């Protein structure tokens, strides 16, 4: 089985997300990646007014990978 290394770069934070995927999992070699985190600048700006004193987590809250067909 061949493995594919895909690197995604967040345009705002410049952080890299690397995914290794086996060829048997992805039939057409393309997939969608959704990463959300409450430490992302977009989410912090949305939460700043409501939760100004709160300690914002730096953990990724959701990662979902789906095969594009």
PDB file of N, CA and C in Angstrom:
ATOM      1  N   UNK A   1       0.838  -1.173   0.000  1.00  0.00           N
ATOM      2  CA  UNK A   1       0.000   0.000   0.000  1.00  0.00           C
ATOM      3  C   UNK A   1       0.891   1.246   0.000  1.00  0.00           C
ATOM      4  N   UNK A   2       0.545   2.210  -0.833  1.00  0.00           N
ATOM      5  CA  UNK A   2       1.277   3.466  -0.875  1.00  0.00           C
ATOM      6  C   UNK A   2       0.636   4.462   0.078  1.00  0.00           C
ATOM      7  N   UNK A   3       1.465   5.298   0.658  1.00  0.00           N
ATOM      8  CA  UNK A   3       0.959   6.344   1.541  1.00  0.00           C
ATOM      9  C   UNK A   3       1.204   7.703   0.907  1.00  0.00           C
ATOM     10  N   UNK A   4       0.266   8.595   1.120  1.00  0.00           N
ATOM     11  CA  UNK A   4       0.362   9.948   0.595  1.00  0.00           C
ATOM     12  C   UNK A   4       0.470  10.923   1.758  1.00  0.00           C
ATOM     13  N   UNK A   5       1.410  11.848   1.661  1.00  0.00           N
ATOM     14  CA  UNK A   5       1.580  12.872   2.689  1.00  0.00           C
ATOM     15  C   UNK A   5       1.018  14.173   2.133  1.00  0.00           C
ATOM     16  N   UNK A   6       0.037  14.718   2.815  1.00  0.00           N
ATOM     17  CA  UNK A   6      -0.580  15.964   2.388  1.00  0.00           C
ATOM     18  C   UNK A   6      -0.379  17.001   3.480  1.00  0.00           C
ATOM     19  N   UNK A   7       0.107  18.165   3.097  1.00  0.00           N
ATOM     20  CA  UNK A   7       0.335  19.239   4.055  1.00  0.00           C
ATOM     21  C   UNK A   7      -0.619  20.388   3.766  1.00  0.00           C
ATOM     22  N   UNK A   8      -1.341  20.797   4.785  1.00  0.00           N
ATOM     23  CA  UNK A   8      -2.240  21.942   4.681  1.00  0.00           C
ATOM     24  C   UNK A   8      -1.644  23.074   5.502  1.00  0.00           C
ATOM     25  N   UNK A   9      -1.730  24.298   4.987  1.00  0.00           N
ATOM     26  CA  UNK A   9      -1.213  25.450   5.711  1.00  0.00           C
ATOM     27  C   UNK A   9      -2.357  26.431   5.946  1.00  0.00           C
ATOM     28  N   UNK A  10      -2.560  26.784   7.208  1.00  0.00           N
ATOM     29  CA  UNK A  10      -3.573  27.775   7.558  1.00  0.00           C
ATOM     30  C   UNK A  10      -3.085  29.138   7.082  1.00  0.00           C
ATOM     31  N   UNK A  11      -3.882  29.846   6.296  1.00  0.00           N
ATOM     32  CA  UNK A  11      -3.449  31.113   5.726  1.00  0.00           C
ATOM     33  C   UNK A  11      -3.325  32.221   6.768  1.00  0.00           C
ATOM     34  N   UNK A  12      -4.024  32.090   7.886  1.00  0.00           N
ATOM     35  CA  UNK A  12      -3.967  33.129   8.915  1.00  0.00           C
ATOM     36  C   UNK A  12      -2.831  32.876   9.894  1.00  0.00           C
ATOM     37  N   UNK A  13      -2.782  31.690  10.460  1.00  0.00           N
ATOM     38  CA  UNK A  13      -1.783  31.394  11.496  1.00  0.00           C
ATOM     39  C   UNK A  13      -0.479  30.835  10.947  1.00  0.00           C
ATOM     40  N   UNK A  14      -0.479  30.418   9.685  1.00  0.00           N
ATOM     41  CA  UNK A  14       0.691  29.807   9.027  1.00  0.00           C
ATOM     42  C   UNK A  14       1.063  28.457   9.628  1.00  0.00           C
ATOM     43  N   UNK A  15       0.169  27.856  10.420  1.00  0.00           N
ATOM     44  CA  UNK A  15       0.433  26.539  10.994  1.00  0.00           C
ATOM     45  C   UNK A  15       0.219  25.469   9.939  1.00  0.00           C
ATOM     46  N   UNK A  16       1.012  24.402  10.030  1.00  0.00           N
ATOM     47  CA  UNK A  16       0.906  23.293   9.084  1.00  0.00           C
ATOM     48  C   UNK A  16       0.189  22.116   9.724  1.00  0.00           C
ATOM     49  N   UNK A  17      -0.656  21.465   8.948  1.00  0.00           N
ATOM     50  CA  UNK A  17      -1.323  20.238   9.355  1.00  0.00           C
ATOM     51  C   UNK A  17      -0.911  19.169   8.353  1.00  0.00           C
ATOM     52  N   UNK A  18      -0.326  18.088   8.834  1.00  0.00           N
ATOM     53  CA  UNK A  18       0.157  17.024   7.950  1.00  0.00           C
ATOM     54  C   UNK A  18      -0.703  15.785   8.147  1.00  0.00           C
ATOM     55  N   UNK A  19      -1.176  15.217   7.037  1.00  0.00           N
ATOM     56  CA  UNK A  19      -2.015  14.021   7.083  1.00  0.00           C
ATOM     57  C   UNK A  19      -1.370  12.943   6.229  1.00  0.00           C
ATOM     58  N   UNK A  20      -1.191  11.758   6.797  1.00  0.00           N
ATOM     59  CA  UNK A  20      -0.720  10.602   6.034  1.00  0.00           C
ATOM     60  C   UNK A  20      -1.925   9.727   5.735  1.00  0.00           C
ATOM     61  N   UNK A  21      -2.109   9.361   4.483  1.00  0.00           N
ATOM     62  CA  UNK A  21      -3.283   8.593   4.080  1.00  0.00           C
ATOM     63  C   UNK A  21      -2.874   7.437   3.188  1.00  0.00           C
ATOM     64  N   UNK A  22      -3.422   6.265   3.459  1.00  0.00           N
ATOM     65  CA  UNK A  22      -3.159   5.097   2.629  1.00  0.00           C
ATOM     66  C   UNK A  22      -3.949   5.145   1.337  1.00  0.00           C
ATOM     67  N   UNK A  23      -3.412   4.568   0.285  1.00  0.00           N
ATOM     68  CA  UNK A  23      -4.061   4.621  -1.030  1.00  0.00           C
ATOM     69  C   UNK A  23      -5.388   3.884  -1.054  1.00  0.00           C
ATOM     70  N   UNK A  24      -5.562   2.884  -0.186  1.00  0.00           N
ATOM     71  CA  UNK A  24      -6.821   2.139  -0.194  1.00  0.00           C
ATOM     72  C   UNK A  24      -7.963   2.945   0.420  1.00  0.00           C
ATOM     73  N   UNK A  25      -7.637   3.968   1.217  1.00  0.00           N
ATOM     74  CA  UNK A  25      -8.676   4.771   1.863  1.00  0.00           C
ATOM     75  C   UNK A  25      -9.280   5.771   0.889  1.00  0.00           C
ATOM     76  N   UNK A  26      -8.443   6.361   0.070  1.00  0.00           N
ATOM     77  CA  UNK A  26      -8.918   7.397  -0.848  1.00  0.00           C
ATOM     78  C   UNK A  26      -8.909   6.886  -2.277  1.00  0.00           C
ATOM     79  N   UNK A  27     -10.074   6.708  -2.832  1.00  0.00           N
ATOM     80  CA  UNK A  27     -10.146   6.156  -4.184  1.00  0.00           C
ATOM     81  C   UNK A  27      -9.716   7.163  -5.241  1.00  0.00           C
ATOM     82  N   UNK A  28     -10.017   8.434  -5.042  1.00  0.00           N
ATOM     83  CA  UNK A  28      -9.663   9.416  -6.068  1.00  0.00           C
ATOM     84  C   UNK A  28      -8.563  10.379  -5.615  1.00  0.00           C
ATOM     85  N   UNK A  29      -7.936  10.110  -4.479  1.00  0.00           N
ATOM     86  CA  UNK A  29      -6.776  10.860  -3.981  1.00  0.00           C
ATOM     87  C   UNK A  29      -7.081  12.313  -3.599  1.00  0.00           C
ATOM     88  N   UNK A  30      -8.355  12.691  -3.505  1.00  0.00           N
ATOM     89  CA  UNK A  30      -8.685  14.039  -3.041  1.00  0.00           C
ATOM     90  C   UNK A  30      -9.653  13.943  -1.878  1.00  0.00           C
ATOM     91  N   UNK A  31      -9.503  14.842  -0.936  1.00  0.00           N
ATOM     92  CA  UNK A  31     -10.424  14.855   0.195  1.00  0.00           C
ATOM     93  C   UNK A  31     -10.507  16.256   0.789  1.00  0.00           C
ATOM     94  N   UNK A  32     -11.533  16.473   1.568  1.00  0.00           N
ATOM     95  CA  UNK A  32     -11.734  17.765   2.226  1.00  0.00           C
ATOM     96  C   UNK A  32     -11.285  17.668   3.672  1.00  0.00           C
ATOM     97  N   UNK A  33     -10.640  18.700   4.147  1.00  0.00           N
ATOM     98  CA  UNK A  33     -10.203  18.750   5.536  1.00  0.00           C
ATOM     99  C   UNK A  33     -10.805  19.989   6.178  1.00  0.00           C
ATOM    100  N   UNK A  34     -11.433  19.802   7.318  1.00  0.00           N
ATOM    101  CA  UNK A  34     -11.980  20.930   8.065  1.00  0.00           C
ATOM    102  C   UNK A  34     -11.345  20.924   9.445  1.00  0.00           C
ATOM    103  N   UNK A  35     -10.692  22.007   9.789  1.00  0.00           N
ATOM    104  CA  UNK A  35     -10.064  22.125  11.098  1.00  0.00           C
ATOM    105  C   UNK A  35     -10.626  23.370  11.768  1.00  0.00           C
ATOM    106  N   UNK A  36     -11.157  23.215  12.957  1.00  0.00           N
ATOM    107  CA  UNK A  36     -11.632  24.378  13.702  1.00  0.00           C
ATOM    108  C   UNK A  36     -11.027  24.351  15.089  1.00  0.00           C
ATOM    109  N   UNK A  37     -10.717  25.512  15.596  1.00  0.00           N
ATOM    110  CA  UNK A  37     -10.142  25.619  16.933  1.00  0.00           C
ATOM    111  C   UNK A  37     -10.552  26.950  17.529  1.00  0.00           C
ATOM    112  N   UNK A  38     -10.845  26.954  18.822  1.00  0.00           N
ATOM    113  CA  UNK A  38     -11.213  28.230  19.435  1.00  0.00           C
ATOM    114  C   UNK A  38      -9.995  29.115  19.696  1.00  0.00           C
ATOM    115  N   UNK A  39      -8.792  28.618  19.403  1.00  0.00           N
ATOM    116  CA  UNK A  39      -7.604  29.459  19.529  1.00  0.00           C
ATOM    117  C   UNK A  39      -7.257  30.150  18.210  1.00  0.00           C
ATOM    118  N   UNK A  40      -7.982  29.821  17.166  1.00  0.00           N
ATOM    119  CA  UNK A  40      -7.754  30.442  15.863  1.00  0.00           C
ATOM    120  C   UNK A  40      -8.127  31.926  15.941  1.00  0.00           C
ATOM    121  N   UNK A  41      -7.358  32.816  15.318  1.00  0.00           N
ATOM    122  CA  UNK A  41      -7.645  34.258  15.390  1.00  0.00           C
ATOM    123  C   UNK A  41      -9.081  34.623  14.998  1.00  0.00           C
ATOM    124  N   UNK A  42      -9.648  33.908  14.047  1.00  0.00           N
ATOM    125  CA  UNK A  42     -11.025  34.201  13.630  1.00  0.00           C
ATOM    126  C   UNK A  42     -11.986  33.984  14.790  1.00  0.00           C
ATOM    127  N   UNK A  43     -11.829  32.859  15.488  1.00  0.00           N
ATOM    128  CA  UNK A  43     -12.728  32.539  16.592  1.00  0.00           C
ATOM    129  C   UNK A  43     -12.457  33.436  17.796  1.00  0.00           C
ATOM    130  N   UNK A  44     -11.197  33.803  18.029  1.00  0.00           N
ATOM    131  CA  UNK A  44     -10.876  34.672  19.161  1.00  0.00           C
ATOM    132  C   UNK A  44     -11.515  36.044  18.978  1.00  0.00           C
ATOM    133  N   UNK A  45     -11.497  36.561  17.753  1.00  0.00           N
ATOM    134  CA  UNK A  45     -12.092  37.876  17.523  1.00  0.00           C
ATOM    135  C   UNK A  45     -13.603  37.833  17.718  1.00  0.00           C
ATOM    136  N   UNK A  46     -14.217  36.705  17.371  1.00  0.00           N
ATOM    137  CA  UNK A  46     -15.662  36.553  17.553  1.00  0.00           C
ATOM    138  C   UNK A  46     -16.017  36.442  19.033  1.00  0.00           C
ATOM    139  N   UNK A  47     -15.129  35.798  19.823  1.00  0.00           N
ATOM    140  CA  UNK A  47     -15.421  35.557  21.232  1.00  0.00           C
ATOM    141  C   UNK A  47     -14.945  36.683  22.151  1.00  0.00           C
ATOM    142  N   UNK A  48     -14.135  37.582  21.636  1.00  0.00           N
ATOM    143  CA  UNK A  48     -13.494  38.586  22.485  1.00  0.00           C
ATOM    144  C   UNK A  48     -14.511  39.440  23.247  1.00  0.00           C
ATOM    145  N   UNK A  49     -15.569  39.847  22.567  1.00  0.00           N
ATOM    146  CA  UNK A  49     -16.553  40.718  23.203  1.00  0.00           C
ATOM    147  C   UNK A  49     -17.336  39.982  24.288  1.00  0.00           C
ATOM    148  N   UNK A  50     -17.683  38.728  24.026  1.00  0.00           N
ATOM    149  CA  UNK A  50     -18.495  37.962  24.976  1.00  0.00           C
ATOM    150  C   UNK A  50     -17.674  37.449  26.152  1.00  0.00           C
ATOM    151  N   UNK A  51     -16.491  36.921  25.854  1.00  0.00           N
ATOM    152  CA  UNK A  51     -15.698  36.236  26.876  1.00  0.00           C
ATOM    153  C   UNK A  51     -14.324  36.888  27.000  1.00  0.00           C
ATOM    154  N   UNK A  52     -14.304  38.143  27.307  1.00  0.00           N
ATOM    155  CA  UNK A  52     -13.050  38.885  27.335  1.00  0.00           C
ATOM    156  C   UNK A  52     -12.052  38.311  28.341  1.00  0.00           C
ATOM    157  N   UNK A  53     -12.521  37.900  29.519  1.00  0.00           N
ATOM    158  CA  UNK A  53     -11.628  37.406  30.568  1.00  0.00           C
ATOM    159  C   UNK A  53     -11.430  35.899  30.546  1.00  0.00           C
ATOM    160  N   UNK A  54     -12.080  35.228  29.625  1.00  0.00           N
ATOM    161  CA  UNK A  54     -11.989  33.766  29.631  1.00  0.00           C
ATOM    162  C   UNK A  54     -10.644  33.298  29.093  1.00  0.00           C
ATOM    163  N   UNK A  55     -10.233  32.123  29.522  1.00  0.00           N
ATOM    164  CA  UNK A  55      -8.988  31.529  29.060  1.00  0.00           C
ATOM    165  C   UNK A  55      -9.308  30.676  27.837  1.00  0.00           C
ATOM    166  N   UNK A  56      -8.908  31.133  26.675  1.00  0.00           N
ATOM    167  CA  UNK A  56      -9.260  30.447  25.435  1.00  0.00           C
ATOM    168  C   UNK A  56      -8.354  29.236  25.238  1.00  0.00           C
ATOM    169  N   UNK A  57      -8.955  28.099  24.995  1.00  0.00           N
ATOM    170  CA  UNK A  57      -8.208  26.853  24.817  1.00  0.00           C
ATOM    171  C   UNK A  57      -7.379  26.898  23.544  1.00  0.00           C
ATOM    172  N   UNK A  58      -6.233  26.227  23.567  1.00  0.00           N
ATOM    173  CA  UNK A  58      -5.385  26.157  22.382  1.00  0.00           C
ATOM    174  C   UNK A  58      -5.483  24.800  21.706  1.00  0.00           C
ATOM    175  N   UNK A  59      -6.441  23.990  22.103  1.00  0.00           N
ATOM    176  CA  UNK A  59      -6.580  22.666  21.511  1.00  0.00           C
ATOM    177  C   UNK A  59      -7.508  22.712  20.306  1.00  0.00           C
ATOM    178  N   UNK A  60      -7.216  21.893  19.328  1.00  0.00           N
ATOM    179  CA  UNK A  60      -8.094  21.785  18.168  1.00  0.00           C
ATOM    180  C   UNK A  60      -9.388  21.114  18.614  1.00  0.00           C
ATOM    181  N   UNK A  61     -10.501  21.716  18.281  1.00  0.00           N
ATOM    182  CA  UNK A  61     -11.798  21.210  18.718  1.00  0.00           C
ATOM    183  C   UNK A  61     -12.366  20.179  17.751  1.00  0.00           C
ATOM    184  N   UNK A  62     -12.087  20.333  16.467  1.00  0.00           N
ATOM    185  CA  UNK A  62     -12.731  19.447  15.494  1.00  0.00           C
ATOM    186  C   UNK A  62     -11.826  19.267  14.287  1.00  0.00           C
ATOM    187  N   UNK A  63     -11.639  18.027  13.892  1.00  0.00           N
ATOM    188  CA  UNK A  63     -10.975  17.722  12.623  1.00  0.00           C
ATOM    189  C   UNK A  63     -11.844  16.693  11.924  1.00  0.00           C
ATOM    190  N   UNK A  64     -12.282  17.006  10.740  1.00  0.00           N
ATOM    191  CA  UNK A  64     -13.070  16.030   9.992  1.00  0.00           C
ATOM    192  C   UNK A  64     -12.494  15.885   8.594  1.00  0.00           C
ATOM    193  N   UNK A  65     -12.343  14.658   8.172  1.00  0.00           N
ATOM    194  CA  UNK A  65     -11.805  14.357   6.843  1.00  0.00           C
ATOM    195  C   UNK A  65     -12.860  13.569   6.094  1.00  0.00           C
ATOM    196  N   UNK A  66     -13.168  14.008   4.887  1.00  0.00           N
ATOM    197  CA  UNK A  66     -14.156  13.281   4.093  1.00  0.00           C
ATOM    198  C   UNK A  66     -13.646  13.098   2.672  1.00  0.00           C
ATOM    199  N   UNK A  67     -13.977  11.984   2.100  1.00  0.00           N
ATOM    200  CA  UNK A  67     -13.580  11.672   0.735  1.00  0.00           C
ATOM    201  C   UNK A  67     -14.461  12.453  -0.234  1.00  0.00           C
ATOM    202  N   UNK A  68     -13.861  13.171  -1.169  1.00  0.00           N
ATOM    203  CA  UNK A  68     -14.626  13.922  -2.175  1.00  0.00           C
ATOM    204  C   UNK A  68     -14.984  13.000  -3.325  1.00  0.00           C
ATOM    205  N   UNK A  69     -16.237  12.947  -3.650  1.00  0.00           N
ATOM    206  CA  UNK A  69     -16.666  12.082  -4.757  1.00  0.00           C
ATOM    207  C   UNK A  69     -17.445  12.852  -5.776  1.00  0.00           C
TER     208      UNK A  69
END
